[in-house]
Amino acid sequence: MPPFLAGCPIMIDIADNPLLQSWNAPFGLPPFDRIRPEHFAPAFLHAMGAHRAEIDAIAGCPEPPTFDNTLVALDRGGRELQRISQVFFNLAASASDRRWQVCSEAALSVPERKAMR
């Protein structure tokens, strides 16, 4: 589990996780009424694994690196991870529930995240 999710409640079954389903609300908004803190750990793990597979596919490309097969491919990757992250940090910043506070405090203390600022 990523260190920034330590201490967060975890939902084991990802089949009903609204973060990993299509969002059909107007303007593609997430189903905020269905999202709970325990949805994030499995959603992040899934999205990180998918993004890692995208990066591995780019790195393993047998063709010589080009702008399109490297930079454009990297830019297009990680959409699911970005989508989940945006919802997480939006809710972590605005929710006053203690469960959200625990998750957001842990996320903000990640050394890798601090280095990205």
N, C-alpha and C. Protein backbone atom coordinates (compact mmCIF):
# COMPACT_ATOMS: atom_id res chain seq x y z
N MET A 1 0.84 -1.18 0.00
CA MET A 1 0.00 0.00 0.00
C MET A 1 0.89 1.24 0.00
N PRO A 2 0.53 2.27 -0.76
CA PRO A 2 1.32 3.49 -0.75
C PRO A 2 1.38 4.09 0.65
N PRO A 3 2.53 4.64 1.05
CA PRO A 3 2.67 5.16 2.40
C PRO A 3 1.65 6.24 2.74
N PHE A 4 1.23 7.03 1.75
CA PHE A 4 0.31 8.11 2.06
C PHE A 4 -1.09 7.63 2.37
N LEU A 5 -1.35 6.35 2.17
CA LEU A 5 -2.67 5.82 2.52
C LEU A 5 -2.65 5.07 3.85
N ALA A 6 -1.50 5.03 4.50
CA ALA A 6 -1.41 4.39 5.80
C ALA A 6 -2.34 5.10 6.77
N GLY A 7 -3.12 4.36 7.49
CA GLY A 7 -4.05 4.96 8.44
C GLY A 7 -5.42 5.26 7.86
N CYS A 8 -5.56 5.14 6.54
CA CYS A 8 -6.86 5.39 5.92
C CYS A 8 -7.69 4.10 5.97
N PRO A 9 -8.99 4.22 6.13
CA PRO A 9 -9.82 3.02 6.08
C PRO A 9 -9.75 2.42 4.68
N ILE A 10 -9.89 1.13 4.57
CA ILE A 10 -9.74 0.45 3.29
C ILE A 10 -10.99 -0.34 2.95
N MET A 11 -11.45 -0.18 1.72
CA MET A 11 -12.53 -0.98 1.18
C MET A 11 -11.89 -2.11 0.39
N ILE A 12 -12.16 -3.34 0.73
CA ILE A 12 -11.51 -4.48 0.09
C ILE A 12 -12.09 -4.77 -1.29
N ASP A 13 -13.39 -4.75 -1.45
CA ASP A 13 -14.05 -5.10 -2.70
C ASP A 13 -14.04 -3.90 -3.66
N ILE A 14 -13.32 -4.01 -4.77
CA ILE A 14 -13.24 -2.88 -5.69
C ILE A 14 -14.35 -2.89 -6.75
N ALA A 15 -15.13 -3.97 -6.81
CA ALA A 15 -16.18 -4.06 -7.83
C ALA A 15 -17.21 -2.95 -7.71
N ASP A 16 -17.50 -2.52 -6.50
CA ASP A 16 -18.50 -1.47 -6.28
C ASP A 16 -17.87 -0.11 -6.01
N ASN A 17 -16.60 0.03 -6.30
CA ASN A 17 -15.89 1.27 -6.02
C ASN A 17 -16.26 2.34 -7.06
N PRO A 18 -16.93 3.41 -6.64
CA PRO A 18 -17.35 4.43 -7.61
C PRO A 18 -16.19 5.16 -8.27
N LEU A 19 -15.02 5.13 -7.67
CA LEU A 19 -13.86 5.79 -8.28
C LEU A 19 -13.35 5.03 -9.50
N LEU A 20 -13.65 3.75 -9.57
CA LEU A 20 -13.17 2.91 -10.66
C LEU A 20 -14.25 2.62 -11.70
N GLN A 21 -15.36 3.31 -11.59
CA GLN A 21 -16.45 3.14 -12.54
C GLN A 21 -16.57 4.39 -13.41
N SER A 22 -17.32 4.28 -14.48
CA SER A 22 -17.57 5.45 -15.33
C SER A 22 -18.41 6.46 -14.56
N TRP A 23 -18.11 7.72 -14.76
CA TRP A 23 -18.87 8.79 -14.13
C TRP A 23 -19.83 9.35 -15.17
N ASN A 24 -21.11 9.15 -14.92
CA ASN A 24 -22.13 9.52 -15.90
C ASN A 24 -22.90 10.78 -15.53
N ALA A 25 -22.45 11.48 -14.51
CA ALA A 25 -23.13 12.72 -14.10
C ALA A 25 -22.86 13.81 -15.14
N PRO A 26 -23.68 14.85 -15.12
CA PRO A 26 -23.43 15.96 -16.05
C PRO A 26 -22.00 16.47 -15.93
N PHE A 27 -21.40 16.79 -17.04
CA PHE A 27 -20.03 17.32 -17.13
C PHE A 27 -18.97 16.33 -16.66
N GLY A 28 -19.34 15.05 -16.55
CA GLY A 28 -18.38 14.03 -16.13
C GLY A 28 -17.96 14.13 -14.67
N LEU A 29 -18.79 14.76 -13.85
CA LEU A 29 -18.47 14.91 -12.43
C LEU A 29 -18.51 13.56 -11.73
N PRO A 30 -17.67 13.39 -10.72
CA PRO A 30 -17.68 12.14 -9.96
C PRO A 30 -18.94 12.04 -9.10
N PRO A 31 -19.32 10.84 -8.72
CA PRO A 31 -20.49 10.64 -7.87
C PRO A 31 -20.14 10.92 -6.40
N PHE A 32 -20.01 12.18 -6.07
CA PHE A 32 -19.57 12.56 -4.72
C PHE A 32 -20.44 11.95 -3.62
N ASP A 33 -21.71 11.75 -3.90
CA ASP A 33 -22.62 11.21 -2.89
C ASP A 33 -22.31 9.74 -2.56
N ARG A 34 -21.57 9.06 -3.41
CA ARG A 34 -21.26 7.64 -3.20
C ARG A 34 -19.82 7.40 -2.76
N ILE A 35 -18.97 8.40 -2.82
CA ILE A 35 -17.54 8.23 -2.53
C ILE A 35 -17.29 8.34 -1.03
N ARG A 36 -16.54 7.34 -0.51
CA ARG A 36 -16.17 7.32 0.90
C ARG A 36 -14.66 7.16 1.00
N PRO A 37 -14.07 7.51 2.14
CA PRO A 37 -12.62 7.41 2.29
C PRO A 37 -12.07 6.02 1.98
N GLU A 38 -12.81 4.98 2.34
CA GLU A 38 -12.31 3.63 2.12
C GLU A 38 -12.25 3.22 0.65
N HIS A 39 -12.80 4.02 -0.25
CA HIS A 39 -12.70 3.73 -1.67
C HIS A 39 -11.33 4.08 -2.24
N PHE A 40 -10.60 4.97 -1.58
CA PHE A 40 -9.40 5.51 -2.19
C PHE A 40 -8.21 4.56 -2.22
N ALA A 41 -7.96 3.81 -1.16
CA ALA A 41 -6.79 2.92 -1.16
C ALA A 41 -6.84 1.93 -2.33
N PRO A 42 -7.93 1.19 -2.50
CA PRO A 42 -7.94 0.25 -3.64
C PRO A 42 -7.96 0.97 -4.98
N ALA A 43 -8.58 2.14 -5.05
CA ALA A 43 -8.60 2.87 -6.32
C ALA A 43 -7.20 3.37 -6.68
N PHE A 44 -6.48 3.91 -5.68
CA PHE A 44 -5.11 4.35 -5.94
C PHE A 44 -4.22 3.17 -6.32
N LEU A 45 -4.34 2.06 -5.62
CA LEU A 45 -3.51 0.89 -5.95
C LEU A 45 -3.78 0.42 -7.37
N HIS A 46 -5.04 0.37 -7.75
CA HIS A 46 -5.41 -0.04 -9.11
C HIS A 46 -4.85 0.95 -10.14
N ALA A 47 -5.06 2.23 -9.91
CA ALA A 47 -4.62 3.25 -10.87
C ALA A 47 -3.10 3.32 -10.96
N MET A 48 -2.40 3.15 -9.83
CA MET A 48 -0.94 3.16 -9.86
C MET A 48 -0.42 1.96 -10.64
N GLY A 49 -1.05 0.82 -10.46
CA GLY A 49 -0.65 -0.37 -11.22
C GLY A 49 -0.87 -0.19 -12.71
N ALA A 50 -2.01 0.41 -13.06
CA ALA A 50 -2.30 0.66 -14.48
C ALA A 50 -1.31 1.65 -15.06
N HIS A 51 -0.99 2.69 -14.31
CA HIS A 51 -0.04 3.68 -14.80
C HIS A 51 1.36 3.08 -14.92
N ARG A 52 1.73 2.24 -13.98
CA ARG A 52 3.02 1.56 -14.05
C ARG A 52 3.09 0.69 -15.31
N ALA A 53 1.99 0.02 -15.65
CA ALA A 53 1.94 -0.80 -16.87
C ALA A 53 2.10 0.08 -18.12
N GLU A 54 1.49 1.27 -18.10
CA GLU A 54 1.64 2.19 -19.23
C GLU A 54 3.10 2.62 -19.39
N ILE A 55 3.74 2.94 -18.28
CA ILE A 55 5.15 3.35 -18.32
C ILE A 55 6.04 2.20 -18.77
N ASP A 56 5.76 1.00 -18.28
CA ASP A 56 6.54 -0.17 -18.68
C ASP A 56 6.39 -0.43 -20.18
N ALA A 57 5.18 -0.23 -20.72
CA ALA A 57 4.96 -0.42 -22.16
C ALA A 57 5.75 0.61 -22.96
N ILE A 58 5.81 1.83 -22.48
CA ILE A 58 6.58 2.87 -23.17
C ILE A 58 8.07 2.53 -23.11
N ALA A 59 8.54 2.16 -21.94
CA ALA A 59 9.96 1.82 -21.77
C ALA A 59 10.35 0.58 -22.56
N GLY A 60 9.42 -0.32 -22.73
CA GLY A 60 9.70 -1.57 -23.44
C GLY A 60 9.43 -1.51 -24.93
N CYS A 61 9.10 -0.35 -25.44
CA CYS A 61 8.82 -0.20 -26.88
C CYS A 61 10.07 -0.58 -27.68
N PRO A 62 9.94 -1.50 -28.61
CA PRO A 62 11.11 -1.94 -29.38
C PRO A 62 11.60 -0.92 -30.41
N GLU A 63 10.77 0.05 -30.73
CA GLU A 63 11.16 1.06 -31.71
C GLU A 63 12.06 2.10 -31.06
N PRO A 64 12.89 2.78 -31.85
CA PRO A 64 13.70 3.86 -31.29
C PRO A 64 12.81 4.95 -30.69
N PRO A 65 13.23 5.56 -29.59
CA PRO A 65 12.40 6.59 -28.97
C PRO A 65 12.18 7.79 -29.90
N THR A 66 10.94 8.23 -29.94
CA THR A 66 10.57 9.43 -30.69
C THR A 66 9.71 10.29 -29.79
N PHE A 67 9.40 11.47 -30.24
CA PHE A 67 8.53 12.36 -29.49
C PHE A 67 7.17 11.68 -29.26
N ASP A 68 6.64 11.09 -30.33
CA ASP A 68 5.31 10.48 -30.23
C ASP A 68 5.27 9.23 -29.36
N ASN A 69 6.24 8.33 -29.53
CA ASN A 69 6.14 7.07 -28.78
C ASN A 69 6.73 7.18 -27.37
N THR A 70 7.25 8.35 -27.02
CA THR A 70 7.77 8.53 -25.66
C THR A 70 7.04 9.66 -24.94
N LEU A 71 7.24 10.89 -25.35
CA LEU A 71 6.65 12.02 -24.64
C LEU A 71 5.14 12.10 -24.78
N VAL A 72 4.64 11.92 -25.98
CA VAL A 72 3.18 11.96 -26.16
C VAL A 72 2.54 10.80 -25.41
N ALA A 73 3.16 9.64 -25.48
CA ALA A 73 2.62 8.48 -24.75
C ALA A 73 2.63 8.71 -23.24
N LEU A 74 3.70 9.29 -22.71
CA LEU A 74 3.76 9.60 -21.28
C LEU A 74 2.70 10.62 -20.90
N ASP A 75 2.51 11.61 -21.75
CA ASP A 75 1.51 12.64 -21.47
C ASP A 75 0.10 12.07 -21.44
N ARG A 76 -0.17 11.11 -22.28
CA ARG A 76 -1.50 10.50 -22.32
C ARG A 76 -1.73 9.49 -21.21
N GLY A 77 -0.67 9.03 -20.59
CA GLY A 77 -0.78 8.02 -19.54
C GLY A 77 -1.21 8.61 -18.21
N GLY A 78 -1.65 7.75 -17.33
CA GLY A 78 -1.97 8.15 -15.97
C GLY A 78 -3.27 8.92 -15.80
N ARG A 79 -4.15 8.86 -16.77
CA ARG A 79 -5.42 9.62 -16.67
C ARG A 79 -6.27 9.16 -15.50
N GLU A 80 -6.34 7.86 -15.30
CA GLU A 80 -7.15 7.35 -14.19
C GLU A 80 -6.55 7.77 -12.85
N LEU A 81 -5.24 7.70 -12.73
CA LEU A 81 -4.57 8.11 -11.50
C LEU A 81 -4.80 9.60 -11.24
N GLN A 82 -4.72 10.39 -12.28
CA GLN A 82 -4.96 11.83 -12.13
C GLN A 82 -6.41 12.11 -11.71
N ARG A 83 -7.33 11.41 -12.31
CA ARG A 83 -8.76 11.58 -11.99
C ARG A 83 -9.03 11.26 -10.53
N ILE A 84 -8.49 10.15 -10.05
CA ILE A 84 -8.69 9.74 -8.65
C ILE A 84 -8.00 10.73 -7.71
N SER A 85 -6.80 11.14 -8.06
CA SER A 85 -6.06 12.10 -7.22
C SER A 85 -6.80 13.42 -7.08
N GLN A 86 -7.36 13.90 -8.17
CA GLN A 86 -8.08 15.17 -8.12
C GLN A 86 -9.28 15.10 -7.18
N VAL A 87 -10.01 14.00 -7.24
CA VAL A 87 -11.16 13.83 -6.33
C VAL A 87 -10.67 13.71 -4.89
N PHE A 88 -9.62 12.92 -4.68
CA PHE A 88 -9.10 12.74 -3.34
C PHE A 88 -8.72 14.07 -2.71
N PHE A 89 -7.91 14.86 -3.41
CA PHE A 89 -7.43 16.10 -2.81
C PHE A 89 -8.54 17.15 -2.70
N ASN A 90 -9.52 17.10 -3.59
CA ASN A 90 -10.68 17.99 -3.46
C ASN A 90 -11.44 17.66 -2.19
N LEU A 91 -11.73 16.39 -1.97
CA LEU A 91 -12.49 15.99 -0.78
C LEU A 91 -11.66 16.13 0.49
N ALA A 92 -10.39 15.82 0.41
CA ALA A 92 -9.54 15.93 1.59
C ALA A 92 -9.42 17.38 2.05
N ALA A 93 -9.48 18.31 1.12
CA ALA A 93 -9.38 19.74 1.46
C ALA A 93 -10.69 20.31 1.98
N SER A 94 -11.79 19.69 1.61
CA SER A 94 -13.09 20.29 1.96
C SER A 94 -13.90 19.50 2.99
N ALA A 95 -13.59 18.25 3.20
CA ALA A 95 -14.38 17.43 4.13
C ALA A 95 -13.87 17.60 5.56
N SER A 96 -14.78 17.69 6.50
CA SER A 96 -14.37 17.88 7.89
C SER A 96 -14.44 16.59 8.70
N ASP A 97 -14.90 15.51 8.09
CA ASP A 97 -14.97 14.22 8.75
C ASP A 97 -13.56 13.76 9.13
N ARG A 98 -13.40 13.19 10.30
CA ARG A 98 -12.09 12.77 10.79
C ARG A 98 -11.43 11.74 9.86
N ARG A 99 -12.23 10.87 9.25
CA ARG A 99 -11.66 9.88 8.33
C ARG A 99 -10.97 10.57 7.15
N TRP A 100 -11.56 11.63 6.63
CA TRP A 100 -10.94 12.38 5.53
C TRP A 100 -9.69 13.09 6.02
N GLN A 101 -9.74 13.62 7.22
CA GLN A 101 -8.57 14.32 7.76
C GLN A 101 -7.38 13.38 7.90
N VAL A 102 -7.61 12.17 8.39
CA VAL A 102 -6.53 11.20 8.55
C VAL A 102 -5.90 10.90 7.19
N CYS A 103 -6.72 10.68 6.18
CA CYS A 103 -6.20 10.37 4.85
C CYS A 103 -5.45 11.55 4.25
N SER A 104 -5.98 12.76 4.39
CA SER A 104 -5.32 13.91 3.78
C SER A 104 -4.02 14.26 4.50
N GLU A 105 -3.99 14.14 5.83
CA GLU A 105 -2.75 14.41 6.57
C GLU A 105 -1.66 13.43 6.15
N ALA A 106 -2.04 12.18 5.97
CA ALA A 106 -1.06 11.18 5.54
C ALA A 106 -0.57 11.48 4.13
N ALA A 107 -1.47 11.87 3.25
CA ALA A 107 -1.10 12.16 1.86
C ALA A 107 -0.17 13.35 1.77
N LEU A 108 -0.40 14.36 2.58
CA LEU A 108 0.41 15.57 2.51
C LEU A 108 1.79 15.39 3.13
N SER A 109 2.01 14.30 3.84
CA SER A 109 3.31 14.08 4.48
C SER A 109 4.22 13.17 3.68
N VAL A 110 3.80 12.76 2.48
CA VAL A 110 4.61 11.87 1.67
C VAL A 110 5.84 12.59 1.13
N PRO A 111 7.04 12.06 1.38
CA PRO A 111 8.26 12.73 0.89
C PRO A 111 8.27 12.93 -0.61
N GLU A 112 7.78 11.94 -1.38
CA GLU A 112 7.76 12.05 -2.84
C GLU A 112 6.88 13.22 -3.28
N ARG A 113 5.77 13.42 -2.60
CA ARG A 113 4.87 14.51 -2.95
C ARG A 113 5.52 15.85 -2.66
N LYS A 114 6.21 15.95 -1.52
CA LYS A 114 6.88 17.22 -1.17
C LYS A 114 7.96 17.55 -2.19
N ALA A 115 8.65 16.54 -2.70
CA ALA A 115 9.71 16.77 -3.68
C ALA A 115 9.14 17.27 -5.01
N MET A 116 7.87 16.99 -5.28
CA MET A 116 7.26 17.39 -6.55
C MET A 116 6.82 18.85 -6.53
N ARG A 117 6.74 19.47 -5.37
CA ARG A 117 6.25 20.85 -5.28
C ARG A 117 7.24 21.81 -5.85
